[in-house]
Amino acid sequence: MKKIILSIVFVFASLAMVNANSSIEDKVVKVRDCVDQAMGNVETVAMVNEEDIRGEYQDYYLELYMEFYLDCMAN
């Protein structure tokens, strides 16, 4: 009886770890996608304005990047 209970506990623990790992992986993918999307949006705005994102308006574009990134993470 002990072996059955221990094996059931082991199975549940394994399933919980698999579920946790996939959840973490999904979050990492979302973060990566949001970084790429935010950077793409900032580069597009800079291109339309004919400005360098690392130039005179670097602080503005960094702030804009954070807004795009946080908006993406919220959705």
PDB file of N, CA and C in Angstrom:
ATOM      1  N   MET A   1       0.822  -1.193   0.000  1.00  0.00           N
ATOM      2  CA  MET A   1       0.000   0.000   0.000  1.00  0.00           C
ATOM      3  C   MET A   1       0.869   1.261   0.000  1.00  0.00           C
ATOM      4  N   LYS A   2       1.987   1.217   0.750  1.00  0.00           N
ATOM      5  CA  LYS A   2       2.898   2.361   0.793  1.00  0.00           C
ATOM      6  C   LYS A   2       3.452   2.675  -0.597  1.00  0.00           C
ATOM      7  N   LYS A   3       3.802   1.614  -1.336  1.00  0.00           N
ATOM      8  CA  LYS A   3       4.377   1.818  -2.665  1.00  0.00           C
ATOM      9  C   LYS A   3       3.371   2.486  -3.603  1.00  0.00           C
ATOM     10  N   ILE A   4       2.122   2.106  -3.495  1.00  0.00           N
ATOM     11  CA  ILE A   4       1.084   2.695  -4.348  1.00  0.00           C
ATOM     12  C   ILE A   4       0.924   4.179  -4.029  1.00  0.00           C
ATOM     13  N   ILE A   5       0.865   4.497  -2.749  1.00  0.00           N
ATOM     14  CA  ILE A   5       0.715   5.901  -2.339  1.00  0.00           C
ATOM     15  C   ILE A   5       1.928   6.715  -2.777  1.00  0.00           C
ATOM     16  N   LEU A   6       3.127   6.163  -2.572  1.00  0.00           N
ATOM     17  CA  LEU A   6       4.339   6.872  -2.983  1.00  0.00           C
ATOM     18  C   LEU A   6       4.384   7.067  -4.500  1.00  0.00           C
ATOM     19  N   SER A   7       3.972   6.060  -5.245  1.00  0.00           N
ATOM     20  CA  SER A   7       3.986   6.204  -6.702  1.00  0.00           C
ATOM     21  C   SER A   7       2.961   7.237  -7.169  1.00  0.00           C
ATOM     22  N   ILE A   8       1.808   7.299  -6.509  1.00  0.00           N
ATOM     23  CA  ILE A   8       0.805   8.313  -6.852  1.00  0.00           C
ATOM     24  C   ILE A   8       1.341   9.708  -6.550  1.00  0.00           C
ATOM     25  N   VAL A   9       1.988   9.863  -5.401  1.00  0.00           N
ATOM     26  CA  VAL A   9       2.586  11.152  -5.041  1.00  0.00           C
ATOM     27  C   VAL A   9       3.649  11.540  -6.062  1.00  0.00           C
ATOM     28  N   PHE A  10       4.460  10.572  -6.471  1.00  0.00           N
ATOM     29  CA  PHE A  10       5.504  10.839  -7.459  1.00  0.00           C
ATOM     30  C   PHE A  10       4.895  11.298  -8.785  1.00  0.00           C
ATOM     31  N   VAL A  11       3.835  10.639  -9.227  1.00  0.00           N
ATOM     32  CA  VAL A  11       3.179  11.007 -10.483  1.00  0.00           C
ATOM     33  C   VAL A  11       2.617  12.424 -10.393  1.00  0.00           C
ATOM     34  N   PHE A  12       1.941  12.745  -9.291  1.00  0.00           N
ATOM     35  CA  PHE A  12       1.397  14.094  -9.134  1.00  0.00           C
ATOM     36  C   PHE A  12       2.508  15.148  -9.096  1.00  0.00           C
ATOM     37  N   ALA A  13       3.601  14.843  -8.413  1.00  0.00           N
ATOM     38  CA  ALA A  13       4.718  15.790  -8.347  1.00  0.00           C
ATOM     39  C   ALA A  13       5.325  15.994  -9.732  1.00  0.00           C
ATOM     40  N   SER A  14       5.464  14.919 -10.490  1.00  0.00           N
ATOM     41  CA  SER A  14       6.014  15.025 -11.845  1.00  0.00           C
ATOM     42  C   SER A  14       5.114  15.866 -12.741  1.00  0.00           C
ATOM     43  N   LEU A  15       3.816  15.628 -12.653  1.00  0.00           N
ATOM     44  CA  LEU A  15       2.876  16.411 -13.460  1.00  0.00           C
ATOM     45  C   LEU A  15       2.898  17.885 -13.077  1.00  0.00           C
ATOM     46  N   ALA A  16       3.027  18.155 -11.801  1.00  0.00           N
ATOM     47  CA  ALA A  16       3.086  19.548 -11.348  1.00  0.00           C
ATOM     48  C   ALA A  16       4.331  20.237 -11.890  1.00  0.00           C
ATOM     49  N   MET A  17       5.457  19.523 -11.917  1.00  0.00           N
ATOM     50  CA  MET A  17       6.694  20.114 -12.433  1.00  0.00           C
ATOM     51  C   MET A  17       6.593  20.355 -13.934  1.00  0.00           C
ATOM     52  N   VAL A  18       6.003  19.425 -14.662  1.00  0.00           N
ATOM     53  CA  VAL A  18       5.837  19.605 -16.104  1.00  0.00           C
ATOM     54  C   VAL A  18       4.957  20.816 -16.373  1.00  0.00           C
ATOM     55  N   ASN A  19       3.887  20.954 -15.623  1.00  0.00           N
ATOM     56  CA  ASN A  19       2.986  22.092 -15.788  1.00  0.00           C
ATOM     57  C   ASN A  19       3.706  23.395 -15.454  1.00  0.00           C
ATOM     58  N   ALA A  20       4.496  23.401 -14.396  1.00  0.00           N
ATOM     59  CA  ALA A  20       5.230  24.610 -14.003  1.00  0.00           C
ATOM     60  C   ALA A  20       6.252  24.985 -15.061  1.00  0.00           C
ATOM     61  N   ASN A  21       6.954  24.002 -15.619  1.00  0.00           N
ATOM     62  CA  ASN A  21       7.959  24.293 -16.640  1.00  0.00           C
ATOM     63  C   ASN A  21       7.331  24.876 -17.893  1.00  0.00           C
ATOM     64  N   SER A  22       6.201  24.354 -18.319  1.00  0.00           N
ATOM     65  CA  SER A  22       5.565  24.898 -19.517  1.00  0.00           C
ATOM     66  C   SER A  22       5.040  26.305 -19.256  1.00  0.00           C
ATOM     67  N   SER A  23       4.605  26.563 -18.037  1.00  0.00           N
ATOM     68  CA  SER A  23       4.126  27.897 -17.681  1.00  0.00           C
ATOM     69  C   SER A  23       5.273  28.907 -17.729  1.00  0.00           C
ATOM     70  N   ILE A  24       6.425  28.529 -17.209  1.00  0.00           N
ATOM     71  CA  ILE A  24       7.602  29.403 -17.231  1.00  0.00           C
ATOM     72  C   ILE A  24       8.035  29.644 -18.675  1.00  0.00           C
ATOM     73  N   GLU A  25       8.024  28.584 -19.474  1.00  0.00           N
ATOM     74  CA  GLU A  25       8.423  28.718 -20.874  1.00  0.00           C
ATOM     75  C   GLU A  25       7.487  29.661 -21.621  1.00  0.00           C
ATOM     76  N   ASP A  26       6.195  29.573 -21.353  1.00  0.00           N
ATOM     77  CA  ASP A  26       5.230  30.473 -21.990  1.00  0.00           C
ATOM     78  C   ASP A  26       5.506  31.922 -21.622  1.00  0.00           C
ATOM     79  N   LYS A  27       5.868  32.170 -20.367  1.00  0.00           N
ATOM     80  CA  LYS A  27       6.167  33.534 -19.931  1.00  0.00           C
ATOM     81  C   LYS A  27       7.424  34.058 -20.608  1.00  0.00           C
ATOM     82  N   VAL A  28       8.442  33.197 -20.757  1.00  0.00           N
ATOM     83  CA  VAL A  28       9.684  33.612 -21.408  1.00  0.00           C
ATOM     84  C   VAL A  28       9.414  33.967 -22.865  1.00  0.00           C
ATOM     85  N   VAL A  29       8.606  33.156 -23.538  1.00  0.00           N
ATOM     86  CA  VAL A  29       8.268  33.434 -24.932  1.00  0.00           C
ATOM     87  C   VAL A  29       7.512  34.752 -25.037  1.00  0.00           C
ATOM     88  N   LYS A  30       6.589  35.003 -24.118  1.00  0.00           N
ATOM     89  CA  LYS A  30       5.821  36.256 -24.143  1.00  0.00           C
ATOM     90  C   LYS A  30       6.749  37.450 -23.939  1.00  0.00           C
ATOM     91  N   VAL A  31       7.675  37.353 -22.997  1.00  0.00           N
ATOM     92  CA  VAL A  31       8.612  38.455 -22.752  1.00  0.00           C
ATOM     93  C   VAL A  31       9.435  38.719 -24.008  1.00  0.00           C
ATOM     94  N   ARG A  32       9.947  37.661 -24.609  1.00  0.00           N
ATOM     95  CA  ARG A  32      10.760  37.815 -25.816  1.00  0.00           C
ATOM     96  C   ARG A  32       9.942  38.452 -26.937  1.00  0.00           C
ATOM     97  N   ASP A  33       8.709  37.998 -27.109  1.00  0.00           N
ATOM     98  CA  ASP A  33       7.843  38.566 -28.147  1.00  0.00           C
ATOM     99  C   ASP A  33       7.547  40.041 -27.878  1.00  0.00           C
ATOM    100  N   CYS A  34       7.327  40.387 -26.615  1.00  0.00           N
ATOM    101  CA  CYS A  34       7.037  41.784 -26.267  1.00  0.00           C
ATOM    102  C   CYS A  34       8.253  42.675 -26.484  1.00  0.00           C
ATOM    103  N   VAL A  35       9.437  42.165 -26.177  1.00  0.00           N
ATOM    104  CA  VAL A  35      10.665  42.934 -26.421  1.00  0.00           C
ATOM    105  C   VAL A  35      10.805  43.207 -27.915  1.00  0.00           C
ATOM    106  N   ASP A  36      10.628  42.158 -28.718  1.00  0.00           N
ATOM    107  CA  ASP A  36      10.754  42.321 -30.169  1.00  0.00           C
ATOM    108  C   ASP A  36       9.706  43.284 -30.721  1.00  0.00           C
ATOM    109  N   GLN A  37       8.480  43.143 -30.250  1.00  0.00           N
ATOM    110  CA  GLN A  37       7.400  44.009 -30.732  1.00  0.00           C
ATOM    111  C   GLN A  37       7.646  45.463 -30.335  1.00  0.00           C
ATOM    112  N   ALA A  38       8.027  45.689 -29.084  1.00  0.00           N
ATOM    113  CA  ALA A  38       8.266  47.056 -28.609  1.00  0.00           C
ATOM    114  C   ALA A  38       9.420  47.701 -29.371  1.00  0.00           C
ATOM    115  N   MET A  39      10.492  46.934 -29.576  1.00  0.00           N
ATOM    116  CA  MET A  39      11.643  47.483 -30.291  1.00  0.00           C
ATOM    117  C   MET A  39      11.280  47.787 -31.742  1.00  0.00           C
ATOM    118  N   GLY A  40      10.510  46.914 -32.356  1.00  0.00           N
ATOM    119  CA  GLY A  40      10.063  47.154 -33.729  1.00  0.00           C
ATOM    120  C   GLY A  40       9.215  48.404 -33.838  1.00  0.00           C
ATOM    121  N   ASN A  41       8.330  48.599 -32.870  1.00  0.00           N
ATOM    122  CA  ASN A  41       7.488  49.799 -32.872  1.00  0.00           C
ATOM    123  C   ASN A  41       8.323  51.066 -32.718  1.00  0.00           C
ATOM    124  N   VAL A  42       9.288  51.033 -31.814  1.00  0.00           N
ATOM    125  CA  VAL A  42      10.149  52.205 -31.593  1.00  0.00           C
ATOM    126  C   VAL A  42      10.969  52.500 -32.847  1.00  0.00           C
ATOM    127  N   GLU A  43      11.515  51.458 -33.460  1.00  0.00           N
ATOM    128  CA  GLU A  43      12.301  51.667 -34.677  1.00  0.00           C
ATOM    129  C   GLU A  43      11.440  52.240 -35.805  1.00  0.00           C
ATOM    130  N   THR A  44      10.190  51.807 -35.880  1.00  0.00           N
ATOM    131  CA  THR A  44       9.277  52.341 -36.895  1.00  0.00           C
ATOM    132  C   THR A  44       8.993  53.818 -36.654  1.00  0.00           C
ATOM    133  N   VAL A  45       8.727  54.177 -35.405  1.00  0.00           N
ATOM    134  CA  VAL A  45       8.474  55.587 -35.073  1.00  0.00           C
ATOM    135  C   VAL A  45       9.700  56.433 -35.394  1.00  0.00           C
ATOM    136  N   ALA A  46      10.885  55.938 -35.047  1.00  0.00           N
ATOM    137  CA  ALA A  46      12.114  56.684 -35.317  1.00  0.00           C
ATOM    138  C   ALA A  46      12.340  56.834 -36.821  1.00  0.00           C
ATOM    139  N   MET A  47      12.044  55.783 -37.571  1.00  0.00           N
ATOM    140  CA  MET A  47      12.225  55.843 -39.018  1.00  0.00           C
ATOM    141  C   MET A  47      11.269  56.866 -39.639  1.00  0.00           C
ATOM    142  N   VAL A  48      10.024  56.878 -39.185  1.00  0.00           N
ATOM    143  CA  VAL A  48       9.051  57.852 -39.697  1.00  0.00           C
ATOM    144  C   VAL A  48       9.499  59.274 -39.372  1.00  0.00           C
ATOM    145  N   ASN A  49      10.057  59.464 -38.179  1.00  0.00           N
ATOM    146  CA  ASN A  49      10.530  60.789 -37.758  1.00  0.00           C
ATOM    147  C   ASN A  49      11.927  61.104 -38.278  1.00  0.00           C
ATOM    148  N   GLU A  50      12.534  60.145 -38.995  1.00  0.00           N
ATOM    149  CA  GLU A  50      13.894  60.281 -39.525  1.00  0.00           C
ATOM    150  C   GLU A  50      14.887  60.644 -38.424  1.00  0.00           C
ATOM    151  N   GLU A  51      14.822  59.882 -37.329  1.00  0.00           N
ATOM    152  CA  GLU A  51      15.714  60.106 -36.186  1.00  0.00           C
ATOM    153  C   GLU A  51      16.408  58.804 -35.814  1.00  0.00           C
ATOM    154  N   ASP A  52      17.523  58.941 -35.112  1.00  0.00           N
ATOM    155  CA  ASP A  52      18.265  57.787 -34.605  1.00  0.00           C
ATOM    156  C   ASP A  52      17.817  57.523 -33.170  1.00  0.00           C
ATOM    157  N   ILE A  53      17.457  56.272 -32.862  1.00  0.00           N
ATOM    158  CA  ILE A  53      16.967  55.978 -31.509  1.00  0.00           C
ATOM    159  C   ILE A  53      18.064  56.110 -30.458  1.00  0.00           C
ATOM    160  N   ARG A  54      19.319  56.125 -30.903  1.00  0.00           N
ATOM    161  CA  ARG A  54      20.425  56.271 -29.956  1.00  0.00           C
ATOM    162  C   ARG A  54      21.041  57.672 -30.008  1.00  0.00           C
ATOM    163  N   GLY A  55      20.342  58.555 -30.651  1.00  0.00           N
ATOM    164  CA  GLY A  55      20.856  59.910 -30.821  1.00  0.00           C
ATOM    165  C   GLY A  55      20.337  60.869 -29.770  1.00  0.00           C
ATOM    166  N   GLU A  56      20.013  62.043 -30.246  1.00  0.00           N
ATOM    167  CA  GLU A  56      19.597  63.145 -29.376  1.00  0.00           C
ATOM    168  C   GLU A  56      18.346  62.814 -28.556  1.00  0.00           C
ATOM    169  N   TYR A  57      17.455  62.029 -29.129  1.00  0.00           N
ATOM    170  CA  TYR A  57      16.175  61.725 -28.468  1.00  0.00           C
ATOM    171  C   TYR A  57      16.160  60.335 -27.821  1.00  0.00           C
ATOM    172  N   GLN A  58      17.307  59.866 -27.417  1.00  0.00           N
ATOM    173  CA  GLN A  58      17.430  58.526 -26.834  1.00  0.00           C
ATOM    174  C   GLN A  58      16.512  58.331 -25.625  1.00  0.00           C
ATOM    175  N   ASP A  59      16.442  59.309 -24.743  1.00  0.00           N
ATOM    176  CA  ASP A  59      15.581  59.190 -23.555  1.00  0.00           C
ATOM    177  C   ASP A  59      14.110  59.057 -23.945  1.00  0.00           C
ATOM    178  N   TYR A  60      13.700  59.811 -24.943  1.00  0.00           N
ATOM    179  CA  TYR A  60      12.317  59.737 -25.421  1.00  0.00           C
ATOM    180  C   TYR A  60      12.013  58.337 -25.960  1.00  0.00           C
ATOM    181  N   TYR A  61      12.931  57.808 -26.767  1.00  0.00           N
ATOM    182  CA  TYR A  61      12.684  56.495 -27.360  1.00  0.00           C
ATOM    183  C   TYR A  61      12.757  55.377 -26.324  1.00  0.00           C
ATOM    184  N   LEU A  62      13.574  55.537 -25.312  1.00  0.00           N
ATOM    185  CA  LEU A  62      13.609  54.556 -24.225  1.00  0.00           C
ATOM    186  C   LEU A  62      12.283  54.549 -23.469  1.00  0.00           C
ATOM    187  N   GLU A  63      11.764  55.730 -23.209  1.00  0.00           N
ATOM    188  CA  GLU A  63      10.465  55.841 -22.532  1.00  0.00           C
ATOM    189  C   GLU A  63       9.344  55.259 -23.404  1.00  0.00           C
ATOM    190  N   LEU A  64       9.403  55.541 -24.688  1.00  0.00           N
ATOM    191  CA  LEU A  64       8.416  55.004 -25.621  1.00  0.00           C
ATOM    192  C   LEU A  64       8.500  53.477 -25.675  1.00  0.00           C
ATOM    193  N   TYR A  65       9.726  52.959 -25.688  1.00  0.00           N
ATOM    194  CA  TYR A  65       9.932  51.503 -25.676  1.00  0.00           C
ATOM    195  C   TYR A  65       9.281  50.878 -24.446  1.00  0.00           C
ATOM    196  N   MET A  66       9.495  51.480 -23.279  1.00  0.00           N
ATOM    197  CA  MET A  66       8.919  50.933 -22.046  1.00  0.00           C
ATOM    198  C   MET A  66       7.399  50.957 -22.090  1.00  0.00           C
ATOM    199  N   GLU A  67       6.822  51.995 -22.662  1.00  0.00           N
ATOM    200  CA  GLU A  67       5.360  52.055 -22.786  1.00  0.00           C
ATOM    201  C   GLU A  67       4.844  50.929 -23.677  1.00  0.00           C
ATOM    202  N   PHE A  68       5.500  50.727 -24.829  1.00  0.00           N
ATOM    203  CA  PHE A  68       5.093  49.643 -25.729  1.00  0.00           C
ATOM    204  C   PHE A  68       5.258  48.281 -25.049  1.00  0.00           C
ATOM    205  N   TYR A  69       6.382  48.108 -24.357  1.00  0.00           N
ATOM    206  CA  TYR A  69       6.669  46.830 -23.697  1.00  0.00           C
ATOM    207  C   TYR A  69       5.647  46.532 -22.597  1.00  0.00           C
ATOM    208  N   LEU A  70       5.398  47.501 -21.743  1.00  0.00           N
ATOM    209  CA  LEU A  70       4.451  47.286 -20.641  1.00  0.00           C
ATOM    210  C   LEU A  70       3.035  47.058 -21.159  1.00  0.00           C
ATOM    211  N   ASP A  71       2.677  47.751 -22.225  1.00  0.00           N
ATOM    212  CA  ASP A  71       1.358  47.539 -22.820  1.00  0.00           C
ATOM    213  C   ASP A  71       1.234  46.115 -23.363  1.00  0.00           C
ATOM    214  N   CYS A  72       2.274  45.641 -24.002  1.00  0.00           N
ATOM    215  CA  CYS A  72       2.269  44.274 -24.531  1.00  0.00           C
ATOM    216  C   CYS A  72       2.179  43.252 -23.402  1.00  0.00           C
ATOM    217  N   MET A  73       2.926  43.456 -22.330  1.00  0.00           N
ATOM    218  CA  MET A  73       2.913  42.508 -21.208  1.00  0.00           C
ATOM    219  C   MET A  73       1.565  42.509 -20.494  1.00  0.00           C
ATOM    220  N   ALA A  74       0.867  43.635 -20.518  1.00  0.00           N
ATOM    221  CA  ALA A  74      -0.435  43.718 -19.847  1.00  0.00           C
ATOM    222  C   ALA A  74      -1.515  42.967 -20.623  1.00  0.00           C
ATOM    223  N   ASN A  75      -1.301  42.799 -21.916  1.00  0.00           N
ATOM    224  CA  ASN A  75      -2.311  42.113 -22.752  1.00  0.00           C
ATOM    225  C   ASN A  75      -1.973  40.673 -22.968  1.00  0.00           C
TER     226      ASN A  75
END
